[in-house]
Structure formats: structure tokens, C-alpha cells
């Protein structure tokens, strides 16, 4: 099914050269913001491909507390008093609300200055009508979970910025009648599993997944590359997906020592990890 994003944020048709693809900014400094503003002018769409706001990942120590909300709530909060004050909210949701608020305050203390240039950049792009699509990487994976965005106000505020869109995995976004954008998020920062994608394995079990119809019209993006060129940094699952579906292009990040184009499984593939000198 085609994404509703096109009708809400993208005005007119977009060609591949109208898009700024970029990944691995990591620390969104005022200097990065200044440079990206220059690059955004003349473009119609910006696509971030992960690790744009590094540190906001599943391994963040504050987030670890949120994952244990029930235990933290029982140990450090006046549980009985709060449950009596909010009788219509069950204990588990109450723990998410209060622990999420505390975690939000901690994240804000540590990351407020780091995300301020990012928020300013998004507002600028919205002003000039250049929408931003944000696919998560292994270092900003907190934006991938609905729970995080519901119960952690600091993340929700970023998520709700006007002109910024976090697509679902394999959501098909129309660019023009002959070109679509589709991508996948990297939901976890788990060294043992980050290169493995069970969802892709399930897709490849099917004879044909209708989401990938006319794959030759799809620009596919993922934070991680395939494994054919980058054996230590890439994902075999992504290579297998490209073996099955012959996308028009594949854009990825994650590889700091390579910034350029190559061919994998017959598909033009480009690494858009930001150049070190650009940081």
C-alpha cells in the first residue's frame, strides 16, 4: 500500500537527483546544521539513513531503566499513593508514565544541546518546504518503538516536529509515477543481532511480497549495507533481499571509510556515510 506521506508533505514529483541522502552525522552540531542548510537549498526531499542523533539508542543507560519500568516504579516511587491518586490507570501503564517522565528529564539534561541544532534544521526545512524522512540506525533506534514515543516526552517532541517523518519498515512512498522510496529501520543496538533481520527472512520465504512489486522503480534505503562488499559491517539478509528484488538504487550508511557508488547484485548502490571532513 502506498504511503499517505506523499499527499501530506511532498508537493509535486521528485526525481532521484532532487533528494539529499545522508547518514551517520552522529553529533548534530551547529556547524553540521550550517552545512546541511546549504545542501538542502535546491533539494525537494531529505532522507536520513540512521545514526543522525547518536546516543539515543536501546543501550542508553537511562533507557535501560525505562525497560525495567515496573521494577523501578515499585522500588523508587510511592506506588500505592500514585495508584490511589490515579485509580483509572493500571499499575503497568502508571509505571510507564512516571518512569518515562523521569527518563525524559534525564535525556533532556544530557541531549538537549545536542538536539537543538537538529530541531532548528528541521524547522528551517519545513519553512522552505523540504520534508525530511528519517530511517533509524543502530545508534538512534529509540525512535523506532511506539512505547518510547508515547511515554518519553523528550523523544515524542522530536518525533512530532512538523516536516519530519519516521516511516514504517517497507512503507512505499511515491516520489513520481515511476519512482518510489522504501526503506527499513535498524531497531536495536545489539552487536550479536544488529546484522540479522528476521523480518527480511520472513519476506524471502514468500514467493512474492506485493510491497516489492515493480522493484525496479524503488529506491531502497537501509542503514546497514549488504555483505558482499562489506563482509564485517554488512548484513547477509540485505544482500539476499537485493538478490530477490532488483531495486533501482540502494542507499546505505554505516561504513565510515567508504563514501561512493558500487554495484551489488546488479543494483547501483551508494554509501552516504557523511565524510569525516564534513563533520
C-alpha atoms as a PDB file:
ATOM      1  CA  UNK A   1       0.000   0.000   0.000  1.00  0.00           C
ATOM      2  CA  UNK A   2       1.277   3.449  -0.898  1.00  0.00           C
ATOM      3  CA  UNK A   3       2.150   5.761   1.989  1.00  0.00           C
ATOM      4  CA  UNK A   4      -0.084   8.735   2.794  1.00  0.00           C
ATOM      5  CA  UNK A   5       3.097  10.743   3.304  1.00  0.00           C
ATOM      6  CA  UNK A   6       3.092  11.875  -0.313  1.00  0.00           C
ATOM      7  CA  UNK A   7      -0.174  13.775  -0.031  1.00  0.00           C
ATOM      8  CA  UNK A   8       0.665  15.334   3.315  1.00  0.00           C
ATOM      9  CA  UNK A   9       4.249  16.525   2.956  1.00  0.00           C
ATOM     10  CA  UNK A  10       5.643  16.080  -0.555  1.00  0.00           C
ATOM     11  CA  UNK A  11       4.485  18.612  -3.118  1.00  0.00           C
ATOM     12  CA  UNK A  12       4.827  17.660  -6.789  1.00  0.00           C
ATOM     13  CA  UNK A  13       7.003  14.996  -8.379  1.00  0.00           C
ATOM     14  CA  UNK A  14      10.501  14.213  -7.124  1.00  0.00           C
ATOM     15  CA  UNK A  15      13.409  12.732  -9.062  1.00  0.00           C
ATOM     16  CA  UNK A  16      16.389  10.922  -7.568  1.00  0.00           C
ATOM     17  CA  UNK A  17      18.637  13.956  -8.052  1.00  0.00           C
ATOM     18  CA  UNK A  18      16.160  16.086  -6.059  1.00  0.00           C
ATOM     19  CA  UNK A  19      16.935  14.107  -2.896  1.00  0.00           C
ATOM     20  CA  UNK A  20      19.697  14.624  -0.338  1.00  0.00           C
ATOM     21  CA  UNK A  21      20.589  11.236   1.202  1.00  0.00           C
ATOM     22  CA  UNK A  22      22.829  11.294   4.268  1.00  0.00           C
ATOM     23  CA  UNK A  23      23.713   9.143   7.281  1.00  0.00           C
ATOM     24  CA  UNK A  24      25.947   8.923  10.345  1.00  0.00           C
ATOM     25  CA  UNK A  25      26.009  12.573  11.379  1.00  0.00           C
ATOM     26  CA  UNK A  26      26.111  11.261  14.971  1.00  0.00           C
ATOM     27  CA  UNK A  27      26.569  14.654  16.672  1.00  0.00           C
ATOM     28  CA  UNK A  28      24.311  17.224  15.019  1.00  0.00           C
ATOM     29  CA  UNK A  29      26.473  20.268  15.693  1.00  0.00           C
ATOM     30  CA  UNK A  30      25.723  23.888  14.720  1.00  0.00           C
ATOM     31  CA  UNK A  31      28.426  23.546  12.034  1.00  0.00           C
ATOM     32  CA  UNK A  32      26.719  20.458  10.589  1.00  0.00           C
ATOM     33  CA  UNK A  33      23.430  22.333  10.613  1.00  0.00           C
ATOM     34  CA  UNK A  34      25.028  25.238   8.721  1.00  0.00           C
ATOM     35  CA  UNK A  35      26.497  22.913   6.073  1.00  0.00           C
ATOM     36  CA  UNK A  36      23.277  20.959   5.635  1.00  0.00           C
ATOM     37  CA  UNK A  37      21.245  24.135   5.171  1.00  0.00           C
ATOM     38  CA  UNK A  38      23.455  24.912   2.178  1.00  0.00           C
ATOM     39  CA  UNK A  39      22.888  21.414   0.789  1.00  0.00           C
ATOM     40  CA  UNK A  40      19.143  21.483   1.467  1.00  0.00           C
ATOM     41  CA  UNK A  41      18.610  24.542  -0.688  1.00  0.00           C
ATOM     42  CA  UNK A  42      17.758  23.339  -4.179  1.00  0.00           C
ATOM     43  CA  UNK A  43      16.578  19.927  -2.946  1.00  0.00           C
ATOM     44  CA  UNK A  44      12.982  18.746  -2.646  1.00  0.00           C
ATOM     45  CA  UNK A  45      13.452  15.989  -0.068  1.00  0.00           C
ATOM     46  CA  UNK A  46      15.980  14.917   2.571  1.00  0.00           C
ATOM     47  CA  UNK A  47      16.368  11.273   3.567  1.00  0.00           C
ATOM     48  CA  UNK A  48      18.297  10.494   6.738  1.00  0.00           C
ATOM     49  CA  UNK A  49      19.513   6.879   6.857  1.00  0.00           C
ATOM     50  CA  UNK A  50      20.356   6.332  10.505  1.00  0.00           C
ATOM     51  CA  UNK A  51      22.767   7.448  13.238  1.00  0.00           C
ATOM     52  CA  UNK A  52      21.754  11.069  12.855  1.00  0.00           C
ATOM     53  CA  UNK A  53      21.274  11.565  16.626  1.00  0.00           C
ATOM     54  CA  UNK A  54      23.680   9.021  18.081  1.00  0.00           C
ATOM     55  CA  UNK A  55      23.344   8.149  21.735  1.00  0.00           C
ATOM     56  CA  UNK A  56      19.566   7.843  21.598  1.00  0.00           C
ATOM     57  CA  UNK A  57      19.744   4.066  21.261  1.00  0.00           C
ATOM     58  CA  UNK A  58      18.454   0.998  23.076  1.00  0.00           C
ATOM     59  CA  UNK A  59      21.723   0.718  25.014  1.00  0.00           C
ATOM     60  CA  UNK A  60      21.367   4.187  26.559  1.00  0.00           C
ATOM     61  CA  UNK A  61      21.669   3.661  30.347  1.00  0.00           C
ATOM     62  CA  UNK A  62      18.615   5.819  31.069  1.00  0.00           C
ATOM     63  CA  UNK A  63      16.553   3.832  28.591  1.00  0.00           C
ATOM     64  CA  UNK A  64      17.591   0.627  30.340  1.00  0.00           C
ATOM     65  CA  UNK A  65      15.714   1.930  33.376  1.00  0.00           C
ATOM     66  CA  UNK A  66      12.627   2.580  31.246  1.00  0.00           C
ATOM     67  CA  UNK A  67      12.769  -1.040  30.040  1.00  0.00           C
ATOM     68  CA  UNK A  68      12.501  -2.071  33.694  1.00  0.00           C
ATOM     69  CA  UNK A  69       9.701   0.404  34.460  1.00  0.00           C
ATOM     70  CA  UNK A  70       7.658  -1.956  36.630  1.00  0.00           C
ATOM     71  CA  UNK A  71      10.593  -2.747  38.928  1.00  0.00           C
ATOM     72  CA  UNK A  72      11.788   0.857  39.030  1.00  0.00           C
ATOM     73  CA  UNK A  73       8.242   2.048  39.815  1.00  0.00           C
ATOM     74  CA  UNK A  74       7.885  -0.350  42.743  1.00  0.00           C
ATOM     75  CA  UNK A  75      11.343   0.474  44.111  1.00  0.00           C
ATOM     76  CA  UNK A  76      11.692   4.241  43.758  1.00  0.00           C
ATOM     77  CA  UNK A  77       8.158   5.676  43.572  1.00  0.00           C
ATOM     78  CA  UNK A  78       5.301   5.933  46.060  1.00  0.00           C
ATOM     79  CA  UNK A  79       3.365   3.301  44.158  1.00  0.00           C
ATOM     80  CA  UNK A  80       0.357   2.970  46.472  1.00  0.00           C
ATOM     81  CA  UNK A  81      -0.140   6.721  46.759  1.00  0.00           C
ATOM     82  CA  UNK A  82       0.066   7.200  42.979  1.00  0.00           C
ATOM     83  CA  UNK A  83      -2.292   4.298  42.243  1.00  0.00           C
ATOM     84  CA  UNK A  84      -4.791   5.801  44.656  1.00  0.00           C
ATOM     85  CA  UNK A  85      -4.416   9.203  43.002  1.00  0.00           C
ATOM     86  CA  UNK A  86      -4.929   7.724  39.510  1.00  0.00           C
ATOM     87  CA  UNK A  87      -7.406   4.853  40.061  1.00  0.00           C
ATOM     88  CA  UNK A  88      -8.394   4.559  36.381  1.00  0.00           C
ATOM     89  CA  UNK A  89      -4.836   3.807  35.223  1.00  0.00           C
ATOM     90  CA  UNK A  90      -3.474   0.308  35.777  1.00  0.00           C
ATOM     91  CA  UNK A  91      -0.147  -0.213  37.534  1.00  0.00           C
ATOM     92  CA  UNK A  92       1.862  -1.096  34.429  1.00  0.00           C
ATOM     93  CA  UNK A  93       0.802   1.982  32.455  1.00  0.00           C
ATOM     94  CA  UNK A  94       1.321   4.162  35.512  1.00  0.00           C
ATOM     95  CA  UNK A  95       4.885   2.857  35.750  1.00  0.00           C
ATOM     96  CA  UNK A  96       5.495   3.737  32.084  1.00  0.00           C
ATOM     97  CA  UNK A  97       4.094   7.244  32.560  1.00  0.00           C
ATOM     98  CA  UNK A  98       6.102   8.154  35.643  1.00  0.00           C
ATOM     99  CA  UNK A  99       9.338   6.356  34.795  1.00  0.00           C
ATOM    100  CA  UNK A 100       9.072   7.648  31.214  1.00  0.00           C
ATOM    101  CA  UNK A 101       8.747  11.213  32.516  1.00  0.00           C
ATOM    102  CA  UNK A 102      11.839  10.795  34.706  1.00  0.00           C
ATOM    103  CA  UNK A 103      13.826   9.250  31.841  1.00  0.00           C
ATOM    104  CA  UNK A 104      12.686  12.105  29.602  1.00  0.00           C
ATOM    105  CA  UNK A 105      14.105  14.621  32.073  1.00  0.00           C
ATOM    106  CA  UNK A 106      17.417  12.742  32.208  1.00  0.00           C
ATOM    107  CA  UNK A 107      17.655  12.510  28.411  1.00  0.00           C
ATOM    108  CA  UNK A 108      16.816  16.208  28.150  1.00  0.00           C
ATOM    109  CA  UNK A 109      19.609  17.137  30.594  1.00  0.00           C
ATOM    110  CA  UNK A 110      22.171  15.188  28.572  1.00  0.00           C
ATOM    111  CA  UNK A 111      20.963  15.681  24.992  1.00  0.00           C
ATOM    112  CA  UNK A 112      19.068  18.971  24.877  1.00  0.00           C
ATOM    113  CA  UNK A 113      22.004  20.951  23.475  1.00  0.00           C
ATOM    114  CA  UNK A 114      22.841  18.105  21.071  1.00  0.00           C
ATOM    115  CA  UNK A 115      19.354  18.000  19.527  1.00  0.00           C
ATOM    116  CA  UNK A 116      18.736  21.769  19.446  1.00  0.00           C
ATOM    117  CA  UNK A 117      20.594  22.278  16.103  1.00  0.00           C
ATOM    118  CA  UNK A 118      18.725  19.270  14.688  1.00  0.00           C
ATOM    119  CA  UNK A 119      15.344  20.685  15.685  1.00  0.00           C
ATOM    120  CA  UNK A 120      16.319  24.057  14.259  1.00  0.00           C
ATOM    121  CA  UNK A 121      17.329  22.382  10.974  1.00  0.00           C
ATOM    122  CA  UNK A 122      14.006  20.541  10.732  1.00  0.00           C
ATOM    123  CA  UNK A 123      12.117  23.790  11.312  1.00  0.00           C
ATOM    124  CA  UNK A 124      14.178  25.519   8.620  1.00  0.00           C
ATOM    125  CA  UNK A 125      13.495  22.724   6.114  1.00  0.00           C
ATOM    126  CA  UNK A 126       9.798  22.836   6.914  1.00  0.00           C
ATOM    127  CA  UNK A 127       9.844  26.582   6.292  1.00  0.00           C
ATOM    128  CA  UNK A 128      11.353  26.104   2.815  1.00  0.00           C
ATOM    129  CA  UNK A 129       9.022  23.125   2.208  1.00  0.00           C
ATOM    130  CA  UNK A 130      11.690  20.431   2.076  1.00  0.00           C
ATOM    131  CA  UNK A 131      10.369  17.469   4.095  1.00  0.00           C
ATOM    132  CA  UNK A 132      12.667  15.070   5.937  1.00  0.00           C
ATOM    133  CA  UNK A 133      12.262  11.302   6.070  1.00  0.00           C
ATOM    134  CA  UNK A 134      14.160   9.679   8.946  1.00  0.00           C
ATOM    135  CA  UNK A 135      15.090   5.973   8.974  1.00  0.00           C
ATOM    136  CA  UNK A 136      16.719   4.870  12.235  1.00  0.00           C
ATOM    137  CA  UNK A 137      20.181   3.378  12.615  1.00  0.00           C
ATOM    138  CA  UNK A 138      21.681   1.305  15.398  1.00  0.00           C
ATOM    139  CA  UNK A 139      22.653   4.465  17.330  1.00  0.00           C
ATOM    140  CA  UNK A 140      19.320   6.336  17.225  1.00  0.00           C
ATOM    141  CA  UNK A 141      16.997   3.359  17.485  1.00  0.00           C
ATOM    142  CA  UNK A 142      14.831   4.804  20.283  1.00  0.00           C
ATOM    143  CA  UNK A 143      12.658   6.465  17.636  1.00  0.00           C
ATOM    144  CA  UNK A 144      11.672   3.031  16.311  1.00  0.00           C
ATOM    145  CA  UNK A 145       9.492   1.992  19.269  1.00  0.00           C
ATOM    146  CA  UNK A 146       5.910   3.270  19.738  1.00  0.00           C
ATOM    147  CA  UNK A 147       6.272   2.903  23.528  1.00  0.00           C
ATOM    148  CA  UNK A 148       9.214   5.276  23.610  1.00  0.00           C
ATOM    149  CA  UNK A 149       7.333   7.929  21.668  1.00  0.00           C
ATOM    150  CA  UNK A 150       4.200   7.626  23.800  1.00  0.00           C
ATOM    151  CA  UNK A 151       5.773   7.696  27.246  1.00  0.00           C
ATOM    152  CA  UNK A 152       9.047   9.629  26.854  1.00  0.00           C
ATOM    153  CA  UNK A 153       8.135  13.282  26.137  1.00  0.00           C
ATOM    154  CA  UNK A 154      11.670  14.271  25.088  1.00  0.00           C
ATOM    155  CA  UNK A 155      11.549  11.778  22.197  1.00  0.00           C
ATOM    156  CA  UNK A 156       7.909  12.494  21.393  1.00  0.00           C
ATOM    157  CA  UNK A 157       8.649  16.201  20.932  1.00  0.00           C
ATOM    158  CA  UNK A 158      11.286  15.384  18.294  1.00  0.00           C
ATOM    159  CA  UNK A 159       9.070  12.781  16.639  1.00  0.00           C
ATOM    160  CA  UNK A 160       6.228  15.281  16.284  1.00  0.00           C
ATOM    161  CA  UNK A 161       8.289  18.030  14.632  1.00  0.00           C
ATOM    162  CA  UNK A 162       6.425  19.381  11.622  1.00  0.00           C
ATOM    163  CA  UNK A 163       8.025  18.331   8.350  1.00  0.00           C
ATOM    164  CA  UNK A 164       9.782  15.302   9.899  1.00  0.00           C
ATOM    165  CA  UNK A 165       8.539  11.784   9.150  1.00  0.00           C
ATOM    166  CA  UNK A 166       9.591   8.409  10.591  1.00  0.00           C
ATOM    167  CA  UNK A 167       8.322   5.749   8.155  1.00  0.00           C
ATOM    168  CA  UNK A 168       7.442   2.166   8.968  1.00  0.00           C
ATOM    169  CA  UNK A 169       9.611  -0.628   7.617  1.00  0.00           C
ATOM    170  CA  UNK A 170       8.983  -1.236   3.894  1.00  0.00           C
ATOM    171  CA  UNK A 171       6.492   1.617   3.638  1.00  0.00           C
ATOM    172  CA  UNK A 172       6.208   2.624  -0.013  1.00  0.00           C
ATOM    173  CA  UNK A 173       6.460   6.385  -0.577  1.00  0.00           C
ATOM    174  CA  UNK A 174       5.593   7.759  -4.011  1.00  0.00           C
ATOM    175  CA  UNK A 175       8.086  10.222  -5.492  1.00  0.00           C
ATOM    176  CA  UNK A 176       6.649  10.296  -9.005  1.00  0.00           C
ATOM    177  CA  UNK A 177       4.689   7.941 -11.267  1.00  0.00           C
ATOM    178  CA  UNK A 178       7.808   5.871 -11.980  1.00  0.00           C
ATOM    179  CA  UNK A 179       9.768   6.203  -8.743  1.00  0.00           C
ATOM    180  CA  UNK A 180       9.164   5.191  -5.129  1.00  0.00           C
ATOM    181  CA  UNK A 181      11.127   5.298  -1.873  1.00  0.00           C
ATOM    182  CA  UNK A 182      11.169   2.364   0.533  1.00  0.00           C
ATOM    183  CA  UNK A 183      13.406   1.575   3.480  1.00  0.00           C
ATOM    184  CA  UNK A 184      13.946  -0.293   6.697  1.00  0.00           C
ATOM    185  CA  UNK A 185      14.870   0.855  10.184  1.00  0.00           C
ATOM    186  CA  UNK A 186      17.569  -0.626  12.401  1.00  0.00           C
ATOM    187  CA  UNK A 187      15.654  -1.118  15.647  1.00  0.00           C
ATOM    188  CA  UNK A 188      18.306  -2.375  18.083  1.00  0.00           C
ATOM    189  CA  UNK A 189      21.895  -1.685  19.019  1.00  0.00           C
ATOM    190  CA  UNK A 190      22.678  -5.319  19.757  1.00  0.00           C
ATOM    191  CA  UNK A 191      26.128  -6.373  18.438  1.00  0.00           C
ATOM    192  CA  UNK A 192      25.046 -10.018  18.266  1.00  0.00           C
ATOM    193  CA  UNK A 193      21.883  -9.370  16.272  1.00  0.00           C
ATOM    194  CA  UNK A 194      22.163  -5.968  14.552  1.00  0.00           C
ATOM    195  CA  UNK A 195      23.241  -7.511  11.231  1.00  0.00           C
ATOM    196  CA  UNK A 196      20.397 -10.030  11.230  1.00  0.00           C
ATOM    197  CA  UNK A 197      16.850  -9.108  10.220  1.00  0.00           C
ATOM    198  CA  UNK A 198      14.213 -11.796  10.910  1.00  0.00           C
ATOM    199  CA  UNK A 199      11.656  -9.666   9.066  1.00  0.00           C
ATOM    200  CA  UNK A 200      13.660  -9.954   5.827  1.00  0.00           C
ATOM    201  CA  UNK A 201      13.992 -13.711   6.329  1.00  0.00           C
ATOM    202  CA  UNK A 202      10.189 -13.931   6.539  1.00  0.00           C
ATOM    203  CA  UNK A 203       9.790 -11.773   3.410  1.00  0.00           C
ATOM    204  CA  UNK A 204      12.100 -14.062   1.463  1.00  0.00           C
ATOM    205  CA  UNK A 205      10.078 -17.148   2.434  1.00  0.00           C
ATOM    206  CA  UNK A 206       7.218 -15.786   0.348  1.00  0.00           C
ATOM    207  CA  UNK A 207       7.120 -16.351  -3.406  1.00  0.00           C
ATOM    208  CA  UNK A 208       6.307 -12.668  -3.899  1.00  0.00           C
ATOM    209  CA  UNK A 209       5.705  -9.849  -1.416  1.00  0.00           C
ATOM    210  CA  UNK A 210       3.346  -7.332  -3.041  1.00  0.00           C
ATOM    211  CA  UNK A 211       5.078  -4.433  -1.314  1.00  0.00           C
ATOM    212  CA  UNK A 212       8.017  -5.033  -3.644  1.00  0.00           C
ATOM    213  CA  UNK A 213       6.026  -5.043  -6.890  1.00  0.00           C
ATOM    214  CA  UNK A 214       7.892  -3.114  -9.597  1.00  0.00           C
ATOM    215  CA  UNK A 215      11.080  -3.184  -7.530  1.00  0.00           C
ATOM    216  CA  UNK A 216      12.931  -1.610 -10.449  1.00  0.00           C
ATOM    217  CA  UNK A 217      11.037   1.614  -9.612  1.00  0.00           C
ATOM    218  CA  UNK A 218      12.066   1.587  -5.933  1.00  0.00           C
ATOM    219  CA  UNK A 219      14.941   3.431  -4.281  1.00  0.00           C
ATOM    220  CA  UNK A 220      15.651   1.188  -1.287  1.00  0.00           C
ATOM    221  CA  UNK A 221      17.440   2.556   1.792  1.00  0.00           C
ATOM    222  CA  UNK A 222      18.859   0.874   4.889  1.00  0.00           C
ATOM    223  CA  UNK A 223      21.370   2.000   7.471  1.00  0.00           C
ATOM    224  CA  UNK A 224      23.400  -1.170   7.041  1.00  0.00           C
ATOM    225  CA  UNK A 225      24.894  -2.239   3.715  1.00  0.00           C
ATOM    226  CA  UNK A 226      24.749  -5.690   2.225  1.00  0.00           C
ATOM    227  CA  UNK A 227      27.527  -8.159   2.984  1.00  0.00           C
ATOM    228  CA  UNK A 228      29.005  -8.637  -0.478  1.00  0.00           C
ATOM    229  CA  UNK A 229      31.353  -5.618  -0.334  1.00  0.00           C
ATOM    230  CA  UNK A 230      31.459  -5.097   3.437  1.00  0.00           C
ATOM    231  CA  UNK A 231      31.795  -8.567   4.950  1.00  0.00           C
ATOM    232  CA  UNK A 232      32.290  -7.336   8.527  1.00  0.00           C
ATOM    233  CA  UNK A 233      29.831  -4.423   8.536  1.00  0.00           C
ATOM    234  CA  UNK A 234      27.130  -5.648   6.172  1.00  0.00           C
ATOM    235  CA  UNK A 235      24.050  -7.842   6.505  1.00  0.00           C
ATOM    236  CA  UNK A 236      23.605 -11.071   4.562  1.00  0.00           C
ATOM    237  CA  UNK A 237      19.842 -10.544   4.850  1.00  0.00           C
ATOM    238  CA  UNK A 238      20.076  -7.245   2.947  1.00  0.00           C
ATOM    239  CA  UNK A 239      22.211  -8.875   0.250  1.00  0.00           C
ATOM    240  CA  UNK A 240      19.631 -11.663  -0.074  1.00  0.00           C
ATOM    241  CA  UNK A 241      16.820  -9.108  -0.353  1.00  0.00           C
ATOM    242  CA  UNK A 242      18.703  -7.416  -3.201  1.00  0.00           C
ATOM    243  CA  UNK A 243      19.278 -10.788  -4.837  1.00  0.00           C
ATOM    244  CA  UNK A 244      15.493 -11.336  -4.909  1.00  0.00           C
ATOM    245  CA  UNK A 245      14.306  -7.797  -5.688  1.00  0.00           C
ATOM    246  CA  UNK A 246      16.223  -5.758  -8.255  1.00  0.00           C
ATOM    247  CA  UNK A 247      15.785  -2.249  -6.872  1.00  0.00           C
ATOM    248  CA  UNK A 248      16.554   0.818  -8.973  1.00  0.00           C
ATOM    249  CA  UNK A 249      19.067   2.006  -6.360  1.00  0.00           C
ATOM    250  CA  UNK A 250      20.165   1.111  -2.846  1.00  0.00           C
ATOM    251  CA  UNK A 251      21.433   3.805  -0.461  1.00  0.00           C
ATOM    252  CA  UNK A 252      23.010   2.984   2.913  1.00  0.00           C
ATOM    253  CA  UNK A 253      25.268   4.377   5.667  1.00  0.00           C
ATOM    254  CA  UNK A 254      27.270   2.743   8.473  1.00  0.00           C
ATOM    255  CA  UNK A 255      30.596   2.482   6.572  1.00  0.00           C
ATOM    256  CA  UNK A 256      32.770   5.415   7.644  1.00  0.00           C
ATOM    257  CA  UNK A 257      35.713   4.580   5.364  1.00  0.00           C
ATOM    258  CA  UNK A 258      33.730   4.457   2.125  1.00  0.00           C
ATOM    259  CA  UNK A 259      31.676   7.200   0.515  1.00  0.00           C
ATOM    260  CA  UNK A 260      30.704   6.434  -3.063  1.00  0.00           C
ATOM    261  CA  UNK A 261      28.982   4.104  -5.520  1.00  0.00           C
ATOM    262  CA  UNK A 262      29.421   0.418  -6.328  1.00  0.00           C
ATOM    263  CA  UNK A 263      27.335  -2.485  -7.677  1.00  0.00           C
ATOM    264  CA  UNK A 264      25.859  -5.267  -5.545  1.00  0.00           C
ATOM    265  CA  UNK A 265      23.696  -7.994  -7.097  1.00  0.00           C
ATOM    266  CA  UNK A 266      23.412  -5.830 -10.204  1.00  0.00           C
ATOM    267  CA  UNK A 267      21.981  -2.902  -8.227  1.00  0.00           C
ATOM    268  CA  UNK A 268      23.676   0.546  -8.193  1.00  0.00           C
ATOM    269  CA  UNK A 269      24.478   1.052  -4.511  1.00  0.00           C
ATOM    270  CA  UNK A 270      25.736   4.168  -2.773  1.00  0.00           C
ATOM    271  CA  UNK A 271      27.254   4.659   0.682  1.00  0.00           C
ATOM    272  CA  UNK A 272      26.268   8.069   2.053  1.00  0.00           C
ATOM    273  CA  UNK A 273      28.065   7.996   5.418  1.00  0.00           C
ATOM    274  CA  UNK A 274      28.940  11.649   5.958  1.00  0.00           C
ATOM    275  CA  UNK A 275      32.549  12.472   5.099  1.00  0.00           C
ATOM    276  CA  UNK A 276      34.814  12.988   8.116  1.00  0.00           C
ATOM    277  CA  UNK A 277      35.797  16.458   6.853  1.00  0.00           C
ATOM    278  CA  UNK A 278      32.111  17.413   6.722  1.00  0.00           C
ATOM    279  CA  UNK A 279      31.860  16.896  10.467  1.00  0.00           C
END
